[in-house]
């Protein structure tokens, strides 16, 4: 068995009633002792990949190719249930030196 620690993503999923509701969430987090830094908007273009017979999904995996502000990466994630709005799952990211024309590597 491999003793190497595997990366785990913990993500809080929220459904907000309006775009203005994020200000209330940020204020509440600040009152609770968290630091929230303002960020510039980021544009993600995501492509999810799988085999024709959905082999990844059947094995509770998702493979995403993302271009984010000119940076390209593949992300392999485990699919786990979301409990009380919190998603915890295995996640492995592979950054690419530059974006590619076709996420599968061929045209």
N, C-alpha and C. Protein backbone atom coordinates (compact mmCIF):
# COMPACT_ATOMS: atom_id res chain seq x y z
N UNK A 1 0.85 -1.18 0.00
CA UNK A 1 0.00 0.00 0.00
C UNK A 1 0.89 1.24 0.00
N UNK A 2 0.48 2.24 -0.74
CA UNK A 2 1.23 3.48 -0.87
C UNK A 2 0.95 4.37 0.34
N UNK A 3 2.01 4.81 1.02
CA UNK A 3 1.83 5.66 2.20
C UNK A 3 1.76 7.14 1.84
N UNK A 4 1.87 7.45 0.55
CA UNK A 4 1.82 8.84 0.10
C UNK A 4 0.44 9.43 0.36
N UNK A 5 0.40 10.66 0.87
CA UNK A 5 -0.87 11.33 1.13
C UNK A 5 -1.46 11.80 -0.19
N UNK A 6 -2.73 11.51 -0.40
CA UNK A 6 -3.40 11.92 -1.62
C UNK A 6 -4.14 13.22 -1.38
N UNK A 7 -4.12 14.13 -2.38
CA UNK A 7 -4.81 15.41 -2.21
C UNK A 7 -6.32 15.21 -2.08
N UNK A 8 -6.93 15.98 -1.19
CA UNK A 8 -8.37 15.95 -0.99
C UNK A 8 -8.89 17.37 -1.09
N UNK A 9 -9.91 17.56 -1.89
CA UNK A 9 -10.55 18.87 -2.00
C UNK A 9 -11.76 18.87 -1.07
N UNK A 10 -11.88 19.95 -0.28
CA UNK A 10 -13.07 20.15 0.54
C UNK A 10 -13.71 21.43 0.06
N UNK A 11 -14.95 21.34 -0.35
CA UNK A 11 -15.61 22.47 -1.00
C UNK A 11 -17.00 22.66 -0.39
N UNK A 12 -17.31 23.89 -0.02
CA UNK A 12 -18.63 24.22 0.48
C UNK A 12 -19.48 24.70 -0.69
N UNK A 13 -20.59 24.03 -0.92
CA UNK A 13 -21.48 24.37 -2.03
C UNK A 13 -22.63 25.20 -1.49
N UNK A 14 -22.86 26.37 -2.07
CA UNK A 14 -23.95 27.25 -1.64
C UNK A 14 -24.84 27.58 -2.83
N UNK A 15 -26.11 27.69 -2.58
CA UNK A 15 -27.06 28.21 -3.56
C UNK A 15 -27.55 29.53 -3.00
N UNK A 16 -27.25 30.61 -3.70
CA UNK A 16 -27.60 31.94 -3.22
C UNK A 16 -28.86 32.44 -3.91
N UNK A 17 -29.65 33.17 -3.17
CA UNK A 17 -30.93 33.67 -3.68
C UNK A 17 -30.74 34.75 -4.75
N UNK A 18 -29.63 35.47 -4.69
CA UNK A 18 -29.38 36.54 -5.66
C UNK A 18 -27.88 36.80 -5.71
N UNK A 19 -27.48 37.61 -6.69
CA UNK A 19 -26.06 37.96 -6.78
C UNK A 19 -25.61 38.80 -5.59
N UNK A 20 -26.52 39.55 -5.00
CA UNK A 20 -26.18 40.39 -3.86
C UNK A 20 -25.99 39.56 -2.58
N UNK A 21 -26.50 38.36 -2.57
CA UNK A 21 -26.42 37.52 -1.36
C UNK A 21 -24.98 37.17 -1.03
N UNK A 22 -24.08 37.20 -2.01
CA UNK A 22 -22.68 36.88 -1.71
C UNK A 22 -22.08 37.88 -0.73
N UNK A 23 -22.57 39.11 -0.72
CA UNK A 23 -22.06 40.11 0.24
C UNK A 23 -22.40 39.70 1.67
N UNK A 24 -23.59 39.15 1.88
CA UNK A 24 -23.98 38.69 3.21
C UNK A 24 -23.14 37.49 3.63
N UNK A 25 -22.84 36.60 2.69
CA UNK A 25 -22.00 35.44 3.01
C UNK A 25 -20.59 35.89 3.39
N UNK A 26 -20.02 36.82 2.63
CA UNK A 26 -18.68 37.33 2.92
C UNK A 26 -18.67 38.03 4.29
N UNK A 27 -19.69 38.82 4.59
CA UNK A 27 -19.77 39.50 5.89
C UNK A 27 -19.86 38.48 7.01
N UNK A 28 -20.66 37.45 6.85
CA UNK A 28 -20.78 36.41 7.89
C UNK A 28 -19.45 35.68 8.10
N UNK A 29 -18.76 35.36 7.02
CA UNK A 29 -17.46 34.70 7.16
C UNK A 29 -16.47 35.59 7.90
N UNK A 30 -16.48 36.90 7.60
CA UNK A 30 -15.61 37.83 8.30
C UNK A 30 -15.92 37.91 9.78
N UNK A 31 -17.20 37.91 10.13
CA UNK A 31 -17.62 37.93 11.53
C UNK A 31 -17.26 36.63 12.25
N UNK A 32 -17.09 35.57 11.49
CA UNK A 32 -16.76 34.26 12.06
C UNK A 32 -15.26 34.02 12.14
N UNK A 33 -14.47 35.04 11.80
CA UNK A 33 -13.02 34.93 11.94
C UNK A 33 -12.28 34.52 10.68
N UNK A 34 -12.98 34.37 9.56
CA UNK A 34 -12.31 34.00 8.31
C UNK A 34 -11.86 35.25 7.58
N UNK A 35 -10.81 35.12 6.79
CA UNK A 35 -10.34 36.21 5.96
C UNK A 35 -10.79 35.94 4.52
N UNK A 36 -11.44 36.91 3.93
CA UNK A 36 -11.91 36.79 2.56
C UNK A 36 -11.26 37.90 1.76
N UNK A 37 -10.51 37.52 0.73
CA UNK A 37 -9.82 38.51 -0.09
C UNK A 37 -10.60 38.74 -1.38
N UNK A 38 -10.74 40.00 -1.77
CA UNK A 38 -11.42 40.26 -3.05
C UNK A 38 -10.55 39.75 -4.21
N UNK A 39 -11.19 39.17 -5.18
CA UNK A 39 -10.50 38.65 -6.35
C UNK A 39 -11.11 39.22 -7.62
N UNK A 40 -10.29 39.34 -8.64
CA UNK A 40 -10.81 39.74 -9.95
C UNK A 40 -11.58 38.55 -10.52
N UNK A 41 -12.57 38.82 -11.36
CA UNK A 41 -13.30 37.72 -11.99
C UNK A 41 -12.36 36.83 -12.81
N UNK A 42 -12.62 35.55 -12.78
CA UNK A 42 -11.83 34.57 -13.52
C UNK A 42 -12.76 33.86 -14.49
N UNK A 43 -12.30 33.66 -15.71
CA UNK A 43 -13.12 32.94 -16.69
C UNK A 43 -12.57 31.53 -16.84
N UNK A 44 -13.42 30.55 -16.56
CA UNK A 44 -13.08 29.14 -16.74
C UNK A 44 -13.81 28.61 -17.97
N UNK A 45 -13.10 27.84 -18.77
CA UNK A 45 -13.74 27.08 -19.84
C UNK A 45 -13.44 25.62 -19.53
N UNK A 46 -14.48 24.87 -19.17
CA UNK A 46 -14.32 23.49 -18.73
C UNK A 46 -14.87 22.52 -19.77
N UNK A 47 -14.13 21.44 -20.00
CA UNK A 47 -14.58 20.34 -20.84
C UNK A 47 -14.42 19.07 -20.02
N UNK A 48 -15.51 18.34 -19.86
CA UNK A 48 -15.45 17.08 -19.12
C UNK A 48 -15.29 15.94 -20.10
N UNK A 49 -14.38 15.03 -19.78
CA UNK A 49 -14.03 13.94 -20.68
C UNK A 49 -14.38 12.59 -20.05
N UNK A 50 -14.79 11.65 -20.88
CA UNK A 50 -15.06 10.29 -20.42
C UNK A 50 -14.98 9.37 -21.64
N UNK A 51 -15.05 8.08 -21.41
CA UNK A 51 -15.07 7.13 -22.51
C UNK A 51 -16.49 7.07 -23.07
N UNK A 52 -16.65 6.46 -24.25
CA UNK A 52 -17.97 6.38 -24.85
C UNK A 52 -18.94 5.58 -23.99
N UNK A 53 -18.43 4.65 -23.18
CA UNK A 53 -19.31 3.85 -22.32
C UNK A 53 -19.34 4.36 -20.87
N UNK A 54 -18.91 5.60 -20.64
CA UNK A 54 -18.96 6.27 -19.35
C UNK A 54 -18.20 5.51 -18.26
N UNK A 55 -17.05 4.96 -18.62
CA UNK A 55 -16.28 4.16 -17.67
C UNK A 55 -15.80 4.97 -16.46
N UNK A 56 -15.40 6.21 -16.67
CA UNK A 56 -14.97 7.03 -15.53
C UNK A 56 -16.13 7.27 -14.57
N UNK A 57 -17.26 7.72 -15.10
CA UNK A 57 -18.42 8.00 -14.26
C UNK A 57 -18.87 6.74 -13.51
N UNK A 58 -18.86 5.61 -14.18
CA UNK A 58 -19.26 4.35 -13.55
C UNK A 58 -18.33 3.98 -12.39
N UNK A 59 -17.09 4.48 -12.44
CA UNK A 59 -16.12 4.22 -11.38
C UNK A 59 -15.96 5.42 -10.44
N UNK A 60 -16.98 6.30 -10.44
CA UNK A 60 -17.04 7.47 -9.56
C UNK A 60 -15.84 8.40 -9.72
N UNK A 61 -15.51 8.67 -11.00
CA UNK A 61 -14.43 9.60 -11.33
C UNK A 61 -14.92 10.61 -12.36
N UNK A 62 -14.32 11.79 -12.34
CA UNK A 62 -14.59 12.81 -13.34
C UNK A 62 -13.25 13.38 -13.81
N UNK A 63 -13.08 13.54 -15.12
CA UNK A 63 -11.87 14.11 -15.70
C UNK A 63 -12.24 15.41 -16.39
N UNK A 64 -11.64 16.50 -15.93
CA UNK A 64 -11.95 17.82 -16.47
C UNK A 64 -10.70 18.41 -17.12
N UNK A 65 -10.88 19.03 -18.29
CA UNK A 65 -9.86 19.85 -18.93
C UNK A 65 -10.33 21.28 -18.76
N UNK A 66 -9.50 22.13 -18.12
CA UNK A 66 -9.90 23.51 -17.83
C UNK A 66 -8.86 24.48 -18.38
N UNK A 67 -9.37 25.53 -19.02
CA UNK A 67 -8.54 26.69 -19.36
C UNK A 67 -9.05 27.82 -18.50
N UNK A 68 -8.17 28.37 -17.68
CA UNK A 68 -8.53 29.43 -16.74
C UNK A 68 -7.55 30.58 -16.92
N UNK A 69 -8.04 31.66 -17.50
CA UNK A 69 -7.19 32.83 -17.76
C UNK A 69 -5.87 32.45 -18.43
N UNK A 70 -5.94 31.58 -19.45
CA UNK A 70 -4.76 31.21 -20.22
C UNK A 70 -3.97 30.04 -19.66
N UNK A 71 -4.31 29.56 -18.48
CA UNK A 71 -3.63 28.41 -17.88
C UNK A 71 -4.48 27.17 -18.14
N UNK A 72 -3.84 26.10 -18.59
CA UNK A 72 -4.56 24.87 -18.90
C UNK A 72 -4.18 23.79 -17.90
N UNK A 73 -5.16 22.96 -17.52
CA UNK A 73 -4.89 21.85 -16.60
C UNK A 73 -5.91 20.75 -16.79
N UNK A 74 -5.48 19.55 -16.45
CA UNK A 74 -6.38 18.41 -16.31
C UNK A 74 -6.60 18.20 -14.82
N UNK A 75 -7.82 17.84 -14.44
CA UNK A 75 -8.13 17.53 -13.04
C UNK A 75 -8.92 16.23 -13.01
N UNK A 76 -8.43 15.28 -12.22
CA UNK A 76 -9.14 14.03 -11.98
C UNK A 76 -9.72 14.11 -10.59
N UNK A 77 -11.05 13.94 -10.49
CA UNK A 77 -11.74 14.06 -9.20
C UNK A 77 -12.53 12.79 -8.93
N UNK A 78 -12.58 12.42 -7.66
CA UNK A 78 -13.49 11.38 -7.23
C UNK A 78 -14.87 11.99 -7.07
N UNK A 79 -15.89 11.21 -7.33
CA UNK A 79 -17.27 11.68 -7.15
C UNK A 79 -17.80 11.07 -5.86
N UNK A 80 -18.07 11.93 -4.91
CA UNK A 80 -18.55 11.50 -3.60
C UNK A 80 -19.84 12.24 -3.29
N UNK A 81 -20.65 11.73 -2.40
CA UNK A 81 -21.88 12.44 -2.03
C UNK A 81 -21.57 13.78 -1.34
N UNK A 82 -22.43 14.75 -1.56
CA UNK A 82 -22.32 16.05 -0.89
C UNK A 82 -23.19 15.97 0.35
N UNK A 83 -22.59 16.18 1.52
CA UNK A 83 -23.31 16.08 2.79
C UNK A 83 -23.36 17.44 3.45
N UNK A 84 -24.57 17.93 3.70
CA UNK A 84 -24.80 19.23 4.32
C UNK A 84 -24.08 20.35 3.58
N UNK A 85 -24.07 20.24 2.24
CA UNK A 85 -23.45 21.26 1.41
C UNK A 85 -21.95 21.17 1.31
N UNK A 86 -21.32 20.17 1.93
CA UNK A 86 -19.86 20.04 1.90
C UNK A 86 -19.47 18.84 1.06
N UNK A 87 -18.64 19.10 0.05
CA UNK A 87 -18.13 18.04 -0.82
C UNK A 87 -16.68 17.78 -0.46
N UNK A 88 -16.36 16.54 -0.14
CA UNK A 88 -14.97 16.12 0.11
C UNK A 88 -14.66 15.04 -0.89
N UNK A 89 -13.58 15.24 -1.65
CA UNK A 89 -13.26 14.26 -2.68
C UNK A 89 -11.77 14.29 -3.02
N UNK A 90 -11.31 13.17 -3.54
CA UNK A 90 -9.94 13.09 -4.05
C UNK A 90 -9.83 14.00 -5.26
N UNK A 91 -8.70 14.67 -5.39
CA UNK A 91 -8.49 15.54 -6.54
C UNK A 91 -7.01 15.55 -6.90
N UNK A 92 -6.71 15.34 -8.17
CA UNK A 92 -5.34 15.42 -8.66
C UNK A 92 -5.33 16.36 -9.86
N UNK A 93 -4.46 17.36 -9.83
CA UNK A 93 -4.37 18.32 -10.94
C UNK A 93 -3.03 18.18 -11.65
N UNK A 94 -3.07 18.33 -12.97
CA UNK A 94 -1.86 18.32 -13.78
C UNK A 94 -1.88 19.59 -14.62
N UNK A 95 -0.97 20.52 -14.30
CA UNK A 95 -0.86 21.76 -15.06
C UNK A 95 -0.13 21.50 -16.36
N UNK A 96 -0.57 22.14 -17.44
CA UNK A 96 0.10 22.03 -18.73
C UNK A 96 0.95 23.28 -18.96
N UNK A 97 2.01 23.14 -19.71
CA UNK A 97 2.87 24.29 -20.00
C UNK A 97 2.13 25.36 -20.78
N UNK A 98 1.19 24.93 -21.62
CA UNK A 98 0.41 25.87 -22.41
C UNK A 98 -0.89 25.19 -22.83
N UNK A 99 -1.93 25.99 -23.14
CA UNK A 99 -3.17 25.38 -23.60
C UNK A 99 -2.95 24.60 -24.89
N UNK A 100 -3.76 23.59 -25.13
CA UNK A 100 -3.66 22.81 -26.36
C UNK A 100 -4.96 22.99 -27.15
N UNK A 101 -4.91 22.75 -28.45
CA UNK A 101 -6.07 22.96 -29.31
C UNK A 101 -7.19 21.97 -28.99
N UNK A 102 -6.82 20.70 -28.76
CA UNK A 102 -7.83 19.66 -28.49
C UNK A 102 -7.48 18.99 -27.18
N UNK A 103 -8.39 18.99 -26.20
CA UNK A 103 -8.06 18.45 -24.87
C UNK A 103 -7.68 16.97 -24.88
N UNK A 104 -8.06 16.24 -25.93
CA UNK A 104 -7.71 14.83 -25.99
C UNK A 104 -6.32 14.62 -26.56
N UNK A 105 -5.72 15.68 -27.11
CA UNK A 105 -4.36 15.57 -27.66
C UNK A 105 -4.32 15.17 -29.11
N UNK A 106 -5.47 15.03 -29.74
CA UNK A 106 -5.50 14.73 -31.17
C UNK A 106 -6.70 15.44 -31.79
N UNK A 107 -6.68 15.57 -33.08
CA UNK A 107 -7.77 16.25 -33.77
C UNK A 107 -8.41 15.31 -34.77
